[in-house]
Structure formats: structure tokens, C-alpha cells
Amino acid sequence: MTFRPCDDSESRVAFAVSRNVGTAVERNRIRRRLRAILQELDRESETLPPPGDLLVRVTGPLEGWSHVELRTTMIDLLLLVSK
């Protein structure tokens, strides 16, 4: 995960999911799951970094991960990035 702060009032998020992760269907499913988690965190105003550009890079399969595992990992990564 990479974060670049900026002066805009809104954040932008991009997902880079490697082909090693799986088929296009699997990669799109991962993007949707991660996007939903970030939307949840945004609604809860929890651990989101200040406005800026955020790149979420996935290089390994996440199909077996539960929602809770993905969410806690995203929170941990966001806390690291916002320091």
C-alpha cells in the first residue's frame, strides 16, 4: 500500500491486482471486496489517512480470506501509512 498526501479535500483510491492472483473474475471480486471495506471504514471514520492518493497493491491470492481478516489487515495497513 502506498499513500501520497495532497491538498485536495477528497481521497483517491486505486487498486493494482496482479494477474498472479487469479482470473479476471477473481481479481475484480477482490477489488469489490476491498472497495467495500474502505467504504465501511469511511462511514465509521475509522483509521482513514488524511486526504491523498492511495494505491492498494495485491500480489497474492485473497480468495480464502474472510471479511474480518481483510478488514483487520486493511486497518493495520492504513495505520502504517498514516504515520
PDB file of N, CA and C in Angstrom:
ATOM      1  N   MET A   1       0.849  -1.160   0.000  1.00  0.00           N
ATOM      2  CA  MET A   1       0.000   0.000   0.000  1.00  0.00           C
ATOM      3  C   MET A   1       0.897   1.226   0.000  1.00  0.00           C
ATOM      4  N   THR A   2       0.559   2.161  -0.840  1.00  0.00           N
ATOM      5  CA  THR A   2       1.311   3.399  -0.960  1.00  0.00           C
ATOM      6  C   THR A   2       0.365   4.568  -0.771  1.00  0.00           C
ATOM      7  N   PHE A   3       0.809   5.577  -0.056  1.00  0.00           N
ATOM      8  CA  PHE A   3      -0.015   6.753   0.196  1.00  0.00           C
ATOM      9  C   PHE A   3       0.778   8.000  -0.127  1.00  0.00           C
ATOM     10  N   ARG A   4       0.126   8.921  -0.828  1.00  0.00           N
ATOM     11  CA  ARG A   4       0.740  10.210  -1.126  1.00  0.00           C
ATOM     12  C   ARG A   4      -0.247  11.299  -0.719  1.00  0.00           C
ATOM     13  N   PRO A   5       0.057  12.061   0.326  1.00  0.00           N
ATOM     14  CA  PRO A   5      -0.863  13.117   0.757  1.00  0.00           C
ATOM     15  C   PRO A   5      -0.965  14.216  -0.293  1.00  0.00           C
ATOM     16  N   CYS A   6      -2.110  14.866  -0.326  1.00  0.00           N
ATOM     17  CA  CYS A   6      -2.292  16.009  -1.225  1.00  0.00           C
ATOM     18  C   CYS A   6      -3.231  17.002  -0.560  1.00  0.00           C
ATOM     19  N   ASP A   7      -3.375  18.166  -1.155  1.00  0.00           N
ATOM     20  CA  ASP A   7      -4.167  19.237  -0.566  1.00  0.00           C
ATOM     21  C   ASP A   7      -5.648  19.155  -0.926  1.00  0.00           C
ATOM     22  N   ASP A   8      -6.034  18.219  -1.783  1.00  0.00           N
ATOM     23  CA  ASP A   8      -7.442  18.095  -2.160  1.00  0.00           C
ATOM     24  C   ASP A   8      -8.267  17.694  -0.952  1.00  0.00           C
ATOM     25  N   SER A   9      -9.567  17.961  -1.029  1.00  0.00           N
ATOM     26  CA  SER A   9     -10.446  17.611   0.078  1.00  0.00           C
ATOM     27  C   SER A   9     -10.885  16.153   0.024  1.00  0.00           C
ATOM     28  N   GLU A  10     -10.683  15.498  -1.105  1.00  0.00           N
ATOM     29  CA  GLU A  10     -11.097  14.110  -1.245  1.00  0.00           C
ATOM     30  C   GLU A  10      -9.902  13.202  -1.502  1.00  0.00           C
ATOM     31  N   SER A  11     -10.051  11.957  -1.077  1.00  0.00           N
ATOM     32  CA  SER A  11      -9.024  10.956  -1.330  1.00  0.00           C
ATOM     33  C   SER A  11      -9.353  10.189  -2.597  1.00  0.00           C
ATOM     34  N   ARG A  12      -8.318   9.685  -3.234  1.00  0.00           N
ATOM     35  CA  ARG A  12      -8.495   8.817  -4.391  1.00  0.00           C
ATOM     36  C   ARG A  12      -7.842   7.484  -4.080  1.00  0.00           C
ATOM     37  N   VAL A  13      -8.516   6.410  -4.493  1.00  0.00           N
ATOM     38  CA  VAL A  13      -8.007   5.072  -4.236  1.00  0.00           C
ATOM     39  C   VAL A  13      -7.889   4.329  -5.556  1.00  0.00           C
ATOM     40  N   ALA A  14      -6.773   3.648  -5.744  1.00  0.00           N
ATOM     41  CA  ALA A  14      -6.561   2.809  -6.927  1.00  0.00           C
ATOM     42  C   ALA A  14      -6.162   1.421  -6.453  1.00  0.00           C
ATOM     43  N   PHE A  15      -6.574   0.416  -7.208  1.00  0.00           N
ATOM     44  CA  PHE A  15      -6.252  -0.966  -6.879  1.00  0.00           C
ATOM     45  C   PHE A  15      -5.408  -1.553  -8.000  1.00  0.00           C
ATOM     46  N   ALA A  16      -4.300  -2.162  -7.634  1.00  0.00           N
ATOM     47  CA  ALA A  16      -3.442  -2.865  -8.586  1.00  0.00           C
ATOM     48  C   ALA A  16      -3.416  -4.323  -8.151  1.00  0.00           C
ATOM     49  N   VAL A  17      -4.154  -5.155  -8.889  1.00  0.00           N
ATOM     50  CA  VAL A  17      -4.252  -6.568  -8.547  1.00  0.00           C
ATOM     51  C   VAL A  17      -3.533  -7.361  -9.624  1.00  0.00           C
ATOM     52  N   SER A  18      -2.479  -8.051  -9.235  1.00  0.00           N
ATOM     53  CA  SER A  18      -1.631  -8.792 -10.150  1.00  0.00           C
ATOM     54  C   SER A  18      -2.372  -9.959 -10.796  1.00  0.00           C
ATOM     55  N   ARG A  19      -1.972 -10.314 -11.994  1.00  0.00           N
ATOM     56  CA  ARG A  19      -2.557 -11.476 -12.668  1.00  0.00           C
ATOM     57  C   ARG A  19      -2.241 -12.782 -11.957  1.00  0.00           C
ATOM     58  N   ASN A  20      -1.205 -12.771 -11.135  1.00  0.00           N
ATOM     59  CA  ASN A  20      -0.863 -13.960 -10.351  1.00  0.00           C
ATOM     60  C   ASN A  20      -1.948 -14.305  -9.339  1.00  0.00           C
ATOM     61  N   VAL A  21      -2.812 -13.344  -9.037  1.00  0.00           N
ATOM     62  CA  VAL A  21      -3.878 -13.539  -8.058  1.00  0.00           C
ATOM     63  C   VAL A  21      -4.935 -14.494  -8.585  1.00  0.00           C
ATOM     64  N   GLY A  22      -5.226 -14.431  -9.866  1.00  0.00           N
ATOM     65  CA  GLY A  22      -6.240 -15.315 -10.431  1.00  0.00           C
ATOM     66  C   GLY A  22      -6.802 -14.759 -11.721  1.00  0.00           C
ATOM     67  N   THR A  23      -7.953 -15.279 -12.081  1.00  0.00           N
ATOM     68  CA  THR A  23      -8.613 -14.852 -13.311  1.00  0.00           C
ATOM     69  C   THR A  23      -9.162 -13.435 -13.142  1.00  0.00           C
ATOM     70  N   ALA A  24      -9.634 -12.864 -14.237  1.00  0.00           N
ATOM     71  CA  ALA A  24     -10.191 -11.513 -14.190  1.00  0.00           C
ATOM     72  C   ALA A  24     -11.381 -11.448 -13.233  1.00  0.00           C
ATOM     73  N   VAL A  25     -12.176 -12.492 -13.205  1.00  0.00           N
ATOM     74  CA  VAL A  25     -13.325 -12.540 -12.300  1.00  0.00           C
ATOM     75  C   VAL A  25     -12.861 -12.483 -10.848  1.00  0.00           C
ATOM     76  N   GLU A  26     -11.843 -13.254 -10.511  1.00  0.00           N
ATOM     77  CA  GLU A  26     -11.309 -13.274  -9.142  1.00  0.00           C
ATOM     78  C   GLU A  26     -10.674 -11.937  -8.771  1.00  0.00           C
ATOM     79  N   ARG A  27      -9.942 -11.342  -9.705  1.00  0.00           N
ATOM     80  CA  ARG A  27      -9.314 -10.044  -9.439  1.00  0.00           C
ATOM     81  C   ARG A  27     -10.369  -8.957  -9.214  1.00  0.00           C
ATOM     82  N   ASN A  28     -11.420  -8.967 -10.014  1.00  0.00           N
ATOM     83  CA  ASN A  28     -12.492  -7.982  -9.842  1.00  0.00           C
ATOM     84  C   ASN A  28     -13.235  -8.193  -8.529  1.00  0.00           C
ATOM     85  N   ARG A  29     -13.422  -9.446  -8.131  1.00  0.00           N
ATOM     86  CA  ARG A  29     -14.070  -9.746  -6.850  1.00  0.00           C
ATOM     87  C   ARG A  29     -13.245  -9.189  -5.697  1.00  0.00           C
ATOM     88  N   ILE A  30     -11.933  -9.334  -5.775  1.00  0.00           N
ATOM     89  CA  ILE A  30     -11.052  -8.796  -4.734  1.00  0.00           C
ATOM     90  C   ILE A  30     -11.154  -7.277  -4.683  1.00  0.00           C
ATOM     91  N   ARG A  31     -11.165  -6.629  -5.843  1.00  0.00           N
ATOM     92  CA  ARG A  31     -11.310  -5.166  -5.874  1.00  0.00           C
ATOM     93  C   ARG A  31     -12.620  -4.734  -5.213  1.00  0.00           C
ATOM     94  N   ARG A  32     -13.709  -5.436  -5.529  1.00  0.00           N
ATOM     95  CA  ARG A  32     -15.011  -5.093  -4.937  1.00  0.00           C
ATOM     96  C   ARG A  32     -14.999  -5.283  -3.425  1.00  0.00           C
ATOM     97  N   ARG A  33     -14.386  -6.362  -2.955  1.00  0.00           N
ATOM     98  CA  ARG A  33     -14.316  -6.614  -1.518  1.00  0.00           C
ATOM     99  C   ARG A  33     -13.508  -5.532  -0.806  1.00  0.00           C
ATOM    100  N   LEU A  34     -12.367  -5.173  -1.380  1.00  0.00           N
ATOM    101  CA  LEU A  34     -11.529  -4.147  -0.766  1.00  0.00           C
ATOM    102  C   LEU A  34     -12.220  -2.782  -0.793  1.00  0.00           C
ATOM    103  N   ARG A  35     -12.884  -2.470  -1.900  1.00  0.00           N
ATOM    104  CA  ARG A  35     -13.614  -1.204  -2.006  1.00  0.00           C
ATOM    105  C   ARG A  35     -14.717  -1.137  -0.939  1.00  0.00           C
ATOM    106  N   ALA A  36     -15.430  -2.253  -0.733  1.00  0.00           N
ATOM    107  CA  ALA A  36     -16.497  -2.280   0.279  1.00  0.00           C
ATOM    108  C   ALA A  36     -15.934  -2.061   1.679  1.00  0.00           C
ATOM    109  N   ILE A  37     -14.790  -2.643   1.957  1.00  0.00           N
ATOM    110  CA  ILE A  37     -14.163  -2.461   3.272  1.00  0.00           C
ATOM    111  C   ILE A  37     -13.756  -1.009   3.477  1.00  0.00           C
ATOM    112  N   LEU A  38     -13.173  -0.393   2.456  1.00  0.00           N
ATOM    113  CA  LEU A  38     -12.788   1.014   2.577  1.00  0.00           C
ATOM    114  C   LEU A  38     -14.012   1.901   2.753  1.00  0.00           C
ATOM    115  N   GLN A  39     -15.120   1.572   2.095  1.00  0.00           N
ATOM    116  CA  GLN A  39     -16.352   2.346   2.274  1.00  0.00           C
ATOM    117  C   GLN A  39     -16.887   2.193   3.695  1.00  0.00           C
ATOM    118  N   GLU A  40     -16.815   0.989   4.245  1.00  0.00           N
ATOM    119  CA  GLU A  40     -17.224   0.769   5.641  1.00  0.00           C
ATOM    120  C   GLU A  40     -16.385   1.626   6.585  1.00  0.00           C
ATOM    121  N   LEU A  41     -15.084   1.596   6.388  1.00  0.00           N
ATOM    122  CA  LEU A  41     -14.179   2.358   7.248  1.00  0.00           C
ATOM    123  C   LEU A  41     -14.423   3.856   7.103  1.00  0.00           C
ATOM    124  N   ASP A  42     -14.757   4.289   5.898  1.00  0.00           N
ATOM    125  CA  ASP A  42     -15.042   5.703   5.665  1.00  0.00           C
ATOM    126  C   ASP A  42     -16.302   6.118   6.411  1.00  0.00           C
ATOM    127  N   ARG A  43     -17.330   5.272   6.375  1.00  0.00           N
ATOM    128  CA  ARG A  43     -18.579   5.590   7.093  1.00  0.00           C
ATOM    129  C   ARG A  43     -18.355   5.636   8.599  1.00  0.00           C
ATOM    130  N   GLU A  44     -17.468   4.793   9.082  1.00  0.00           N
ATOM    131  CA  GLU A  44     -17.186   4.743  10.519  1.00  0.00           C
ATOM    132  C   GLU A  44     -16.117   5.752  10.932  1.00  0.00           C
ATOM    133  N   SER A  45     -15.538   6.440   9.956  1.00  0.00           N
ATOM    134  CA  SER A  45     -14.454   7.399  10.198  1.00  0.00           C
ATOM    135  C   SER A  45     -13.340   6.762  11.011  1.00  0.00           C
ATOM    136  N   GLU A  46     -12.986   5.550  10.642  1.00  0.00           N
ATOM    137  CA  GLU A  46     -12.013   4.779  11.411  1.00  0.00           C
ATOM    138  C   GLU A  46     -10.709   4.605  10.622  1.00  0.00           C
ATOM    139  N   THR A  47      -9.637   5.068  11.176  1.00  0.00           N
ATOM    140  CA  THR A  47      -8.271   4.818  10.690  1.00  0.00           C
ATOM    141  C   THR A  47      -7.995   5.247   9.255  1.00  0.00           C
ATOM    142  N   LEU A  48      -8.800   6.112   8.688  1.00  0.00           N
ATOM    143  CA  LEU A  48      -8.500   6.544   7.332  1.00  0.00           C
ATOM    144  C   LEU A  48      -7.424   7.623   7.371  1.00  0.00           C
ATOM    145  N   PRO A  49      -6.484   7.561   6.441  1.00  0.00           N
ATOM    146  CA  PRO A  49      -5.441   8.590   6.407  1.00  0.00           C
ATOM    147  C   PRO A  49      -6.029   9.915   5.948  1.00  0.00           C
ATOM    148  N   PRO A  50      -5.286  10.999   6.076  1.00  0.00           N
ATOM    149  CA  PRO A  50      -5.766  12.289   5.576  1.00  0.00           C
ATOM    150  C   PRO A  50      -5.941  12.230   4.068  1.00  0.00           C
ATOM    151  N   PRO A  51      -6.616  13.221   3.473  1.00  0.00           N
ATOM    152  CA  PRO A  51      -6.841  13.203   2.026  1.00  0.00           C
ATOM    153  C   PRO A  51      -5.550  13.015   1.241  1.00  0.00           C
ATOM    154  N   GLY A  52      -5.656  12.211   0.191  1.00  0.00           N
ATOM    155  CA  GLY A  52      -4.500  11.946  -0.653  1.00  0.00           C
ATOM    156  C   GLY A  52      -4.776  10.806  -1.612  1.00  0.00           C
ATOM    157  N   ASP A  53      -3.749  10.342  -2.249  1.00  0.00           N
ATOM    158  CA  ASP A  53      -3.847   9.247  -3.205  1.00  0.00           C
ATOM    159  C   ASP A  53      -3.362   7.963  -2.535  1.00  0.00           C
ATOM    160  N   LEU A  54      -4.169   6.924  -2.639  1.00  0.00           N
ATOM    161  CA  LEU A  54      -3.871   5.649  -2.005  1.00  0.00           C
ATOM    162  C   LEU A  54      -3.845   4.561  -3.069  1.00  0.00           C
ATOM    163  N   LEU A  55      -2.751   3.823  -3.119  1.00  0.00           N
ATOM    164  CA  LEU A  55      -2.627   2.699  -4.040  1.00  0.00           C
ATOM    165  C   LEU A  55      -2.582   1.416  -3.225  1.00  0.00           C
ATOM    166  N   VAL A  56      -3.571   0.537  -3.462  1.00  0.00           N
ATOM    167  CA  VAL A  56      -3.635  -0.762  -2.788  1.00  0.00           C
ATOM    168  C   VAL A  56      -3.158  -1.794  -3.801  1.00  0.00           C
ATOM    169  N   ARG A  57      -2.052  -2.446  -3.491  1.00  0.00           N
ATOM    170  CA  ARG A  57      -1.457  -3.416  -4.417  1.00  0.00           C
ATOM    171  C   ARG A  57      -1.600  -4.821  -3.852  1.00  0.00           C
ATOM    172  N   VAL A  58      -2.203  -5.711  -4.634  1.00  0.00           N
ATOM    173  CA  VAL A  58      -2.421  -7.090  -4.211  1.00  0.00           C
ATOM    174  C   VAL A  58      -1.583  -7.984  -5.119  1.00  0.00           C
ATOM    175  N   THR A  59      -0.700  -8.785  -4.522  1.00  0.00           N
ATOM    176  CA  THR A  59       0.173  -9.642  -5.317  1.00  0.00           C
ATOM    177  C   THR A  59      -0.060 -11.124  -5.077  1.00  0.00           C
ATOM    178  N   GLY A  60      -0.876 -11.453  -4.084  1.00  0.00           N
ATOM    179  CA  GLY A  60      -1.150 -12.857  -3.781  1.00  0.00           C
ATOM    180  C   GLY A  60      -2.646 -13.100  -3.678  1.00  0.00           C
ATOM    181  N   PRO A  61      -3.064 -14.354  -3.770  1.00  0.00           N
ATOM    182  CA  PRO A  61      -4.494 -14.667  -3.718  1.00  0.00           C
ATOM    183  C   PRO A  61      -5.099 -14.359  -2.350  1.00  0.00           C
ATOM    184  N   LEU A  62      -6.290 -13.798  -2.370  1.00  0.00           N
ATOM    185  CA  LEU A  62      -7.013 -13.462  -1.142  1.00  0.00           C
ATOM    186  C   LEU A  62      -8.366 -14.159  -1.071  1.00  0.00           C
ATOM    187  N   GLU A  63      -8.619 -15.089  -1.964  1.00  0.00           N
ATOM    188  CA  GLU A  63      -9.929 -15.736  -2.027  1.00  0.00           C
ATOM    189  C   GLU A  63     -10.311 -16.437  -0.730  1.00  0.00           C
ATOM    190  N   GLY A  64      -9.350 -17.009  -0.024  1.00  0.00           N
ATOM    191  CA  GLY A  64      -9.653 -17.738   1.198  1.00  0.00           C
ATOM    192  C   GLY A  64      -9.780 -16.855   2.430  1.00  0.00           C
ATOM    193  N   TRP A  65      -9.545 -15.564   2.288  1.00  0.00           N
ATOM    194  CA  TRP A  65      -9.583 -14.655   3.426  1.00  0.00           C
ATOM    195  C   TRP A  65     -11.018 -14.277   3.757  1.00  0.00           C
ATOM    196  N   SER A  66     -11.322 -14.254   5.048  1.00  0.00           N
ATOM    197  CA  SER A  66     -12.655 -13.824   5.485  1.00  0.00           C
ATOM    198  C   SER A  66     -12.729 -12.295   5.456  1.00  0.00           C
ATOM    199  N   HIS A  67     -13.941 -11.796   5.601  1.00  0.00           N
ATOM    200  CA  HIS A  67     -14.154 -10.352   5.628  1.00  0.00           C
ATOM    201  C   HIS A  67     -13.405  -9.730   6.817  1.00  0.00           C
ATOM    202  N   VAL A  68     -13.447 -10.400   7.943  1.00  0.00           N
ATOM    203  CA  VAL A  68     -12.785  -9.891   9.152  1.00  0.00           C
ATOM    204  C   VAL A  68     -11.273  -9.826   8.953  1.00  0.00           C
ATOM    205  N   GLU A  69     -10.696 -10.856   8.337  1.00  0.00           N
ATOM    206  CA  GLU A  69      -9.252 -10.858   8.079  1.00  0.00           C
ATOM    207  C   GLU A  69      -8.856  -9.719   7.142  1.00  0.00           C
ATOM    208  N   LEU A  70      -9.626  -9.535   6.075  1.00  0.00           N
ATOM    209  CA  LEU A  70      -9.326  -8.448   5.145  1.00  0.00           C
ATOM    210  C   LEU A  70      -9.461  -7.091   5.825  1.00  0.00           C
ATOM    211  N   ARG A  71     -10.509  -6.946   6.604  1.00  0.00           N
ATOM    212  CA  ARG A  71     -10.758  -5.666   7.280  1.00  0.00           C
ATOM    213  C   ARG A  71      -9.647  -5.336   8.269  1.00  0.00           C
ATOM    214  N   THR A  72      -9.244  -6.283   9.098  1.00  0.00           N
ATOM    215  CA  THR A  72      -8.184  -6.001  10.072  1.00  0.00           C
ATOM    216  C   THR A  72      -6.852  -5.732   9.377  1.00  0.00           C
ATOM    217  N   THR A  73      -6.583  -6.438   8.289  1.00  0.00           N
ATOM    218  CA  THR A  73      -5.352  -6.180   7.531  1.00  0.00           C
ATOM    219  C   THR A  73      -5.370  -4.781   6.927  1.00  0.00           C
ATOM    220  N   MET A  74      -6.522  -4.377   6.360  1.00  0.00           N
ATOM    221  CA  MET A  74      -6.631  -3.030   5.791  1.00  0.00           C
ATOM    222  C   MET A  74      -6.456  -1.970   6.873  1.00  0.00           C
ATOM    223  N   ILE A  75      -7.038  -2.182   8.045  1.00  0.00           N
ATOM    224  CA  ILE A  75      -6.889  -1.226   9.139  1.00  0.00           C
ATOM    225  C   ILE A  75      -5.420  -1.121   9.545  1.00  0.00           C
ATOM    226  N   ASP A  76      -4.751  -2.252   9.677  1.00  0.00           N
ATOM    227  CA  ASP A  76      -3.324  -2.246  10.036  1.00  0.00           C
ATOM    228  C   ASP A  76      -2.492  -1.501   9.003  1.00  0.00           C
ATOM    229  N   LEU A  77      -2.766  -1.752   7.721  1.00  0.00           N
ATOM    230  CA  LEU A  77      -2.020  -1.076   6.653  1.00  0.00           C
ATOM    231  C   LEU A  77      -2.302   0.420   6.636  1.00  0.00           C
ATOM    232  N   LEU A  78      -3.543   0.787   6.839  1.00  0.00           N
ATOM    233  CA  LEU A  78      -3.895   2.217   6.850  1.00  0.00           C
ATOM    234  C   LEU A  78      -3.240   2.933   8.032  1.00  0.00           C
ATOM    235  N   LEU A  79      -3.152   2.244   9.162  1.00  0.00           N
ATOM    236  CA  LEU A  79      -2.474   2.857  10.312  1.00  0.00           C
ATOM    237  C   LEU A  79      -0.984   3.034  10.025  1.00  0.00           C
ATOM    238  N   LEU A  80      -0.362   2.080   9.349  1.00  0.00           N
ATOM    239  CA  LEU A  80       1.048   2.209   8.979  1.00  0.00           C
ATOM    240  C   LEU A  80       1.266   3.361   8.020  1.00  0.00           C
ATOM    241  N   VAL A  81       0.374   3.489   7.061  1.00  0.00           N
ATOM    242  CA  VAL A  81       0.528   4.513   6.020  1.00  0.00           C
ATOM    243  C   VAL A  81       0.292   5.901   6.583  1.00  0.00           C
ATOM    244  N   SER A  82      -0.606   6.028   7.530  1.00  0.00           N
ATOM    245  CA  SER A  82      -0.952   7.362   8.035  1.00  0.00           C
ATOM    246  C   SER A  82       0.065   7.913   9.032  1.00  0.00           C
ATOM    247  N   LYS A  83       1.063   7.115   9.402  1.00  0.00           N
ATOM    248  CA  LYS A  83       2.093   7.603  10.347  1.00  0.00           C
ATOM    249  C   LYS A  83       3.058   8.522   9.682  1.00  0.00           C
TER     250      LYS A  83
END
